Amino acid sequence: MQKKIIKPYNIVIIFIFLSFVSCITFSHQSERILKRELSNGDFDVIIVPGVPFNKPNWDKVMKLRVYWAYYLYNKHITKNIIFSGSAVYTPYIESKIMRLYAIKLGIDSNNIFIEQKAEHSTENIYFSVKIADSLKFKRIAFASDPYQTELLKHFIRKKIPKLHCLPASIRIVDSIPKINPQINFKQAFVKNFISIKKRQTKKERIRGTFGKNIDYDK
């Protein structure tokens, strides 16, 4: 019996189809989670993780996260925002860059806080929750894109179960009229910057991704 050979272009079609189905699944799951979380009241602060910045403009992922924060703030779903992220892959402190964009969108600077130590998404969460606790914020939520939220839900449940999740609604973000504000990105520039790829081995970076570099006893 002759075996069927899957032609390369068919593999591409299958991959595109599976990716499309995954996106729809993530979107539907995110909408359900969001609806459930919003039914329980507003938040004192949201944590928004950083994205590497390549001058002169922000990329799609950073724009999505900042506009999602903008929406949650404008709708009074959150009173405050913590942008989190150090200068990791590029010589710009991610949290400072996002703060500059958020202010340009009209968010009050007094309601924006930054966390500048985190180099991995698990650290974005952990260090930002520490800041939120120090500021006496009670209801705290992680607000990021659906994909990252899905990847981090196990870490959140295990390490910080009090943290809520507000995965971005792509439908809502797409409906927001967009501008492309110009910021002074030099304000977030780090002199003598060394990329994490040169400071940490691949093994160390993987450990960081899973929160293994955090000293939980401190």
C-alpha atoms as a PDB file:
ATOM      1  CA  MET A   1       0.000   0.000   0.000  1.00  0.00           C
ATOM      2  CA  GLN A   2       1.478   3.317  -1.092  1.00  0.00           C
ATOM      3  CA  LYS A   3       1.857   5.977   1.574  1.00  0.00           C
ATOM      4  CA  LYS A   4       0.410   9.403   0.958  1.00  0.00           C
ATOM      5  CA  ILE A   5       3.003  12.154   0.854  1.00  0.00           C
ATOM      6  CA  ILE A   6       1.913  15.536   2.192  1.00  0.00           C
ATOM      7  CA  LYS A   7       3.146  18.200  -0.164  1.00  0.00           C
ATOM      8  CA  PRO A   8       4.988  21.236   1.317  1.00  0.00           C
ATOM      9  CA  TYR A   9       2.296  23.741   0.347  1.00  0.00           C
ATOM     10  CA  ASN A  10      -0.294  21.567   2.087  1.00  0.00           C
ATOM     11  CA  ILE A  11       1.799  21.662   5.272  1.00  0.00           C
ATOM     12  CA  VAL A  12       1.829  25.462   5.071  1.00  0.00           C
ATOM     13  CA  ILE A  13      -1.959  25.543   4.655  1.00  0.00           C
ATOM     14  CA  ILE A  14      -2.408  23.208   7.643  1.00  0.00           C
ATOM     15  CA  PHE A  15      -0.089  25.368   9.757  1.00  0.00           C
ATOM     16  CA  ILE A  16      -1.967  28.547   8.834  1.00  0.00           C
ATOM     17  CA  PHE A  17      -5.292  26.867   9.602  1.00  0.00           C
ATOM     18  CA  LEU A  18      -4.118  25.610  13.013  1.00  0.00           C
ATOM     19  CA  SER A  19      -2.702  29.048  13.859  1.00  0.00           C
ATOM     20  CA  PHE A  20      -6.013  30.657  12.905  1.00  0.00           C
ATOM     21  CA  VAL A  21      -7.966  28.198  15.062  1.00  0.00           C
ATOM     22  CA  SER A  22      -5.584  28.804  18.000  1.00  0.00           C
ATOM     23  CA  CYS A  23      -6.050  32.569  17.719  1.00  0.00           C
ATOM     24  CA  ILE A  24      -9.834  32.201  17.740  1.00  0.00           C
ATOM     25  CA  THR A  25      -9.634  29.870  20.757  1.00  0.00           C
ATOM     26  CA  PHE A  26      -7.386  32.292  22.679  1.00  0.00           C
ATOM     27  CA  SER A  27      -9.715  35.164  21.796  1.00  0.00           C
ATOM     28  CA  HIS A  28     -12.835  33.352  23.008  1.00  0.00           C
ATOM     29  CA  GLN A  29     -11.128  32.211  26.224  1.00  0.00           C
ATOM     30  CA  SER A  30      -9.890  35.738  26.878  1.00  0.00           C
ATOM     31  CA  GLU A  31     -13.336  37.244  26.402  1.00  0.00           C
ATOM     32  CA  ARG A  32     -14.797  34.771  28.924  1.00  0.00           C
ATOM     33  CA  ILE A  33     -12.066  35.451  31.492  1.00  0.00           C
ATOM     34  CA  LEU A  34     -12.425  39.202  31.001  1.00  0.00           C
ATOM     35  CA  LYS A  35     -16.193  39.129  31.418  1.00  0.00           C
ATOM     36  CA  ARG A  36     -15.904  37.097  34.614  1.00  0.00           C
ATOM     37  CA  GLU A  37     -13.223  39.339  36.138  1.00  0.00           C
ATOM     38  CA  LEU A  38     -14.994  42.603  35.283  1.00  0.00           C
ATOM     39  CA  SER A  39     -18.189  41.379  36.904  1.00  0.00           C
ATOM     40  CA  ASN A  40     -16.425  41.375  40.279  1.00  0.00           C
ATOM     41  CA  GLY A  41     -15.582  45.084  40.408  1.00  0.00           C
ATOM     42  CA  ASP A  42     -12.845  47.524  39.501  1.00  0.00           C
ATOM     43  CA  PHE A  43      -9.126  47.402  40.316  1.00  0.00           C
ATOM     44  CA  ASP A  44      -6.720  49.570  42.250  1.00  0.00           C
ATOM     45  CA  VAL A  45      -3.918  48.895  39.771  1.00  0.00           C
ATOM     46  CA  ILE A  46      -3.047  46.869  36.692  1.00  0.00           C
ATOM     47  CA  ILE A  47       0.386  45.463  35.824  1.00  0.00           C
ATOM     48  CA  VAL A  48       1.409  45.820  32.171  1.00  0.00           C
ATOM     49  CA  PRO A  49       4.582  43.954  31.102  1.00  0.00           C
ATOM     50  CA  GLY A  50       7.170  45.549  28.861  1.00  0.00           C
ATOM     51  CA  VAL A  51       8.207  44.924  25.276  1.00  0.00           C
ATOM     52  CA  PRO A  52      11.647  45.657  23.746  1.00  0.00           C
ATOM     53  CA  PHE A  53      11.697  49.066  22.065  1.00  0.00           C
ATOM     54  CA  ASN A  54      13.444  49.587  18.743  1.00  0.00           C
ATOM     55  CA  LYS A  55      13.556  53.276  17.925  1.00  0.00           C
ATOM     56  CA  PRO A  56      11.946  55.330  16.540  1.00  0.00           C
ATOM     57  CA  ASN A  57       8.490  53.737  16.941  1.00  0.00           C
ATOM     58  CA  TRP A  58       6.708  51.204  19.125  1.00  0.00           C
ATOM     59  CA  ASP A  59       5.782  47.838  17.649  1.00  0.00           C
ATOM     60  CA  LYS A  60       2.355  46.168  17.453  1.00  0.00           C
ATOM     61  CA  VAL A  61       2.677  44.271  20.729  1.00  0.00           C
ATOM     62  CA  MET A  62       3.668  47.332  22.757  1.00  0.00           C
ATOM     63  CA  LYS A  63       0.915  49.365  21.102  1.00  0.00           C
ATOM     64  CA  LEU A  64      -1.637  46.667  21.973  1.00  0.00           C
ATOM     65  CA  ARG A  65      -0.604  46.562  25.639  1.00  0.00           C
ATOM     66  CA  VAL A  66      -0.464  50.345  26.094  1.00  0.00           C
ATOM     67  CA  TYR A  67      -3.819  50.873  24.376  1.00  0.00           C
ATOM     68  CA  TRP A  68      -5.353  48.120  26.498  1.00  0.00           C
ATOM     69  CA  ALA A  69      -4.080  49.912  29.616  1.00  0.00           C
ATOM     70  CA  TYR A  70      -5.466  53.161  28.179  1.00  0.00           C
ATOM     71  CA  TYR A  71      -8.894  51.557  27.705  1.00  0.00           C
ATOM     72  CA  LEU A  72      -8.998  50.072  31.212  1.00  0.00           C
ATOM     73  CA  TYR A  73      -7.979  53.418  32.713  1.00  0.00           C
ATOM     74  CA  ASN A  74     -10.440  55.491  30.646  1.00  0.00           C
ATOM     75  CA  LYS A  75     -13.300  53.158  31.515  1.00  0.00           C
ATOM     76  CA  HIS A  76     -12.407  53.468  35.222  1.00  0.00           C
ATOM     77  CA  ILE A  77     -11.786  49.742  35.428  1.00  0.00           C
ATOM     78  CA  THR A  78      -8.440  50.570  37.017  1.00  0.00           C
ATOM     79  CA  LYS A  79      -7.315  53.628  38.931  1.00  0.00           C
ATOM     80  CA  ASN A  80      -3.571  53.110  38.401  1.00  0.00           C
ATOM     81  CA  ILE A  81      -1.075  51.425  36.102  1.00  0.00           C
ATOM     82  CA  ILE A  82       2.311  49.827  36.711  1.00  0.00           C
ATOM     83  CA  PHE A  83       4.395  49.447  33.558  1.00  0.00           C
ATOM     84  CA  SER A  84       7.147  46.897  34.106  1.00  0.00           C
ATOM     85  CA  GLY A  85      10.419  46.155  32.354  1.00  0.00           C
ATOM     86  CA  SER A  86      14.102  46.949  32.310  1.00  0.00           C
ATOM     87  CA  ALA A  87      16.404  47.535  29.324  1.00  0.00           C
ATOM     88  CA  VAL A  88      16.714  43.897  28.289  1.00  0.00           C
ATOM     89  CA  TYR A  89      17.325  43.393  24.580  1.00  0.00           C
ATOM     90  CA  THR A  90      17.660  47.035  23.531  1.00  0.00           C
ATOM     91  CA  PRO A  91      19.170  50.027  25.390  1.00  0.00           C
ATOM     92  CA  TYR A  92      15.782  51.479  26.359  1.00  0.00           C
ATOM     93  CA  ILE A  93      13.999  50.885  29.649  1.00  0.00           C
ATOM     94  CA  GLU A  94      10.748  49.315  28.505  1.00  0.00           C
ATOM     95  CA  SER A  95       8.613  50.578  31.390  1.00  0.00           C
ATOM     96  CA  LYS A  96       9.761  54.167  30.834  1.00  0.00           C
ATOM     97  CA  ILE A  97       9.026  53.973  27.103  1.00  0.00           C
ATOM     98  CA  MET A  98       5.499  52.668  27.758  1.00  0.00           C
ATOM     99  CA  ARG A  99       4.913  55.359  30.370  1.00  0.00           C
ATOM    100  CA  LEU A 100       5.906  58.058  27.857  1.00  0.00           C
ATOM    101  CA  TYR A 101       3.419  56.692  25.317  1.00  0.00           C
ATOM    102  CA  ALA A 102       0.671  56.374  27.944  1.00  0.00           C
ATOM    103  CA  ILE A 103       1.085  60.010  28.986  1.00  0.00           C
ATOM    104  CA  LYS A 104       0.863  61.070  25.337  1.00  0.00           C
ATOM    105  CA  LEU A 105      -2.433  59.183  25.092  1.00  0.00           C
ATOM    106  CA  GLY A 106      -3.788  61.228  27.980  1.00  0.00           C
ATOM    107  CA  ILE A 107      -3.278  59.063  31.066  1.00  0.00           C
ATOM    108  CA  ASP A 108      -2.474  61.149  34.144  1.00  0.00           C
ATOM    109  CA  SER A 109       1.218  60.709  35.012  1.00  0.00           C
ATOM    110  CA  ASN A 110       0.307  60.655  38.720  1.00  0.00           C
ATOM    111  CA  ASN A 111      -1.486  57.365  38.133  1.00  0.00           C
ATOM    112  CA  ILE A 112       1.415  55.692  36.343  1.00  0.00           C
ATOM    113  CA  PHE A 113       4.151  53.798  38.176  1.00  0.00           C
ATOM    114  CA  ILE A 114       7.129  51.984  36.704  1.00  0.00           C
ATOM    115  CA  GLU A 115       9.067  48.882  37.661  1.00  0.00           C
ATOM    116  CA  GLN A 116      12.578  48.898  36.154  1.00  0.00           C
ATOM    117  CA  LYS A 117      14.172  45.661  37.385  1.00  0.00           C
ATOM    118  CA  ALA A 118      12.324  42.866  35.554  1.00  0.00           C
ATOM    119  CA  GLU A 119      13.997  41.087  32.638  1.00  0.00           C
ATOM    120  CA  HIS A 120      11.479  38.260  32.196  1.00  0.00           C
ATOM    121  CA  SER A 121       7.678  38.137  32.170  1.00  0.00           C
ATOM    122  CA  THR A 122       7.538  36.236  35.474  1.00  0.00           C
ATOM    123  CA  GLU A 123       9.669  38.988  36.999  1.00  0.00           C
ATOM    124  CA  ASN A 124       7.350  41.639  35.512  1.00  0.00           C
ATOM    125  CA  ILE A 125       4.595  40.136  37.601  1.00  0.00           C
ATOM    126  CA  TYR A 126       6.519  39.384  40.798  1.00  0.00           C
ATOM    127  CA  PHE A 127       8.381  42.695  41.154  1.00  0.00           C
ATOM    128  CA  SER A 128       5.316  44.742  40.175  1.00  0.00           C
ATOM    129  CA  VAL A 129       3.138  43.010  42.765  1.00  0.00           C
ATOM    130  CA  LYS A 130       5.781  43.927  45.360  1.00  0.00           C
ATOM    131  CA  ILE A 131       5.450  47.581  44.290  1.00  0.00           C
ATOM    132  CA  ALA A 132       1.646  47.356  44.369  1.00  0.00           C
ATOM    133  CA  ASP A 133       1.779  45.906  47.885  1.00  0.00           C
ATOM    134  CA  SER A 134       4.132  48.668  49.044  1.00  0.00           C
ATOM    135  CA  LEU A 135       1.647  51.241  47.728  1.00  0.00           C
ATOM    136  CA  LYS A 136      -1.190  49.525  49.644  1.00  0.00           C
ATOM    137  CA  PHE A 137      -3.107  48.575  46.499  1.00  0.00           C
ATOM    138  CA  LYS A 138      -5.554  45.763  47.223  1.00  0.00           C
ATOM    139  CA  ARG A 139      -7.161  44.619  43.968  1.00  0.00           C
ATOM    140  CA  ILE A 140      -4.395  43.992  41.479  1.00  0.00           C
ATOM    141  CA  ALA A 141      -4.654  42.617  37.926  1.00  0.00           C
ATOM    142  CA  PHE A 142      -2.260  41.506  35.226  1.00  0.00           C
ATOM    143  CA  ALA A 143      -3.207  43.161  31.924  1.00  0.00           C
ATOM    144  CA  SER A 144      -1.471  41.878  28.815  1.00  0.00           C
ATOM    145  CA  ASP A 145      -2.196  40.256  25.471  1.00  0.00           C
ATOM    146  CA  PRO A 146      -4.145  36.959  25.512  1.00  0.00           C
ATOM    147  CA  TYR A 147      -1.168  34.842  24.435  1.00  0.00           C
ATOM    148  CA  GLN A 148       1.138  36.011  27.227  1.00  0.00           C
ATOM    149  CA  THR A 149      -1.665  35.750  29.779  1.00  0.00           C
ATOM    150  CA  GLU A 150      -2.210  32.122  28.794  1.00  0.00           C
ATOM    151  CA  LEU A 151       1.510  31.346  29.128  1.00  0.00           C
ATOM    152  CA  LEU A 152       1.705  32.876  32.611  1.00  0.00           C
ATOM    153  CA  LYS A 153      -1.518  31.631  34.177  1.00  0.00           C
ATOM    154  CA  HIS A 154       0.203  28.630  35.817  1.00  0.00           C
ATOM    155  CA  PHE A 155       2.890  30.855  37.371  1.00  0.00           C
ATOM    156  CA  ILE A 156       0.234  33.261  38.646  1.00  0.00           C
ATOM    157  CA  ARG A 157      -1.901  30.497  40.170  1.00  0.00           C
ATOM    158  CA  LYS A 158       1.122  28.916  41.863  1.00  0.00           C
ATOM    159  CA  LYS A 159       3.051  31.976  43.068  1.00  0.00           C
ATOM    160  CA  ILE A 160       0.573  34.883  43.269  1.00  0.00           C
ATOM    161  CA  PRO A 161      -2.962  33.481  43.440  1.00  0.00           C
ATOM    162  CA  LYS A 162      -4.403  36.824  44.585  1.00  0.00           C
ATOM    163  CA  LEU A 163      -3.509  38.355  41.201  1.00  0.00           C
ATOM    164  CA  HIS A 164      -6.391  38.715  38.738  1.00  0.00           C
ATOM    165  CA  CYS A 165      -6.001  38.570  34.945  1.00  0.00           C
ATOM    166  CA  LEU A 166      -7.449  40.981  32.406  1.00  0.00           C
ATOM    167  CA  PRO A 167      -6.380  39.612  29.021  1.00  0.00           C
ATOM    168  CA  ALA A 168      -6.703  42.197  26.270  1.00  0.00           C
ATOM    169  CA  SER A 169      -9.795  42.046  24.113  1.00  0.00           C
ATOM    170  CA  ILE A 170      -8.499  42.328  20.562  1.00  0.00           C
ATOM    171  CA  ARG A 171     -12.005  43.313  19.482  1.00  0.00           C
ATOM    172  CA  ILE A 172     -12.047  46.260  21.890  1.00  0.00           C
ATOM    173  CA  VAL A 173      -8.489  47.401  21.178  1.00  0.00           C
ATOM    174  CA  ASP A 174      -9.143  47.309  17.422  1.00  0.00           C
ATOM    175  CA  SER A 175     -12.159  49.579  17.927  1.00  0.00           C
ATOM    176  CA  ILE A 176     -10.154  52.329  19.684  1.00  0.00           C
ATOM    177  CA  PRO A 177      -9.187  55.249  17.386  1.00  0.00           C
ATOM    178  CA  LYS A 178      -5.396  55.173  17.225  1.00  0.00           C
ATOM    179  CA  ILE A 179      -2.738  57.848  17.104  1.00  0.00           C
ATOM    180  CA  ASN A 180       1.004  57.364  16.740  1.00  0.00           C
ATOM    181  CA  PRO A 181       2.421  59.850  19.265  1.00  0.00           C
ATOM    182  CA  GLN A 182       6.035  60.958  19.148  1.00  0.00           C
ATOM    183  CA  ILE A 183       7.983  60.555  22.370  1.00  0.00           C
ATOM    184  CA  ASN A 184      11.434  61.575  23.524  1.00  0.00           C
ATOM    185  CA  PHE A 185      12.804  58.032  23.727  1.00  0.00           C
ATOM    186  CA  LYS A 186      16.207  59.360  24.817  1.00  0.00           C
ATOM    187  CA  GLN A 187      14.684  59.770  28.290  1.00  0.00           C
ATOM    188  CA  ALA A 188      14.647  55.980  28.593  1.00  0.00           C
ATOM    189  CA  PHE A 189      18.103  55.366  27.088  1.00  0.00           C
ATOM    190  CA  VAL A 190      20.685  53.410  29.105  1.00  0.00           C
ATOM    191  CA  LYS A 191      24.358  54.212  28.616  1.00  0.00           C
ATOM    192  CA  ASN A 192      26.870  51.365  28.415  1.00  0.00           C
ATOM    193  CA  PHE A 193      24.003  48.954  27.777  1.00  0.00           C
ATOM    194  CA  ILE A 194      24.756  45.221  27.493  1.00  0.00           C
ATOM    195  CA  SER A 195      22.070  42.950  26.061  1.00  0.00           C
ATOM    196  CA  ILE A 196      20.776  40.090  28.185  1.00  0.00           C
ATOM    197  CA  LYS A 197      22.014  37.741  25.465  1.00  0.00           C
ATOM    198  CA  LYS A 198      25.565  38.696  26.421  1.00  0.00           C
ATOM    199  CA  ARG A 199      24.951  38.782  30.182  1.00  0.00           C
ATOM    200  CA  GLN A 200      23.098  35.495  30.530  1.00  0.00           C
ATOM    201  CA  THR A 201      23.463  32.090  28.954  1.00  0.00           C
ATOM    202  CA  LYS A 202      20.526  30.542  27.119  1.00  0.00           C
ATOM    203  CA  LYS A 203      19.993  28.245  30.098  1.00  0.00           C
ATOM    204  CA  GLU A 204      19.886  31.214  32.485  1.00  0.00           C
ATOM    205  CA  ARG A 205      17.393  33.020  30.256  1.00  0.00           C
ATOM    206  CA  ILE A 206      15.146  29.959  30.181  1.00  0.00           C
ATOM    207  CA  ARG A 207      15.327  29.767  33.977  1.00  0.00           C
ATOM    208  CA  GLY A 208      14.361  33.426  34.118  1.00  0.00           C
ATOM    209  CA  THR A 209      11.388  32.826  31.835  1.00  0.00           C
ATOM    210  CA  PHE A 210      10.054  30.297  34.345  1.00  0.00           C
ATOM    211  CA  GLY A 211      10.745  32.542  37.331  1.00  0.00           C
ATOM    212  CA  LYS A 212      13.717  30.517  38.569  1.00  0.00           C
ATOM    213  CA  ASN A 213      15.958  33.585  39.014  1.00  0.00           C
ATOM    214  CA  ILE A 214      13.653  35.188  41.575  1.00  0.00           C
ATOM    215  CA  ASP A 215      14.624  35.043  45.229  1.00  0.00           C
ATOM    216  CA  TYR A 216      11.193  34.337  46.725  1.00  0.00           C
ATOM    217  CA  ASP A 217      12.555  34.426  50.290  1.00  0.00           C
ATOM    218  CA  LYS A 218      13.456  38.114  50.161  1.00  0.00           C
END
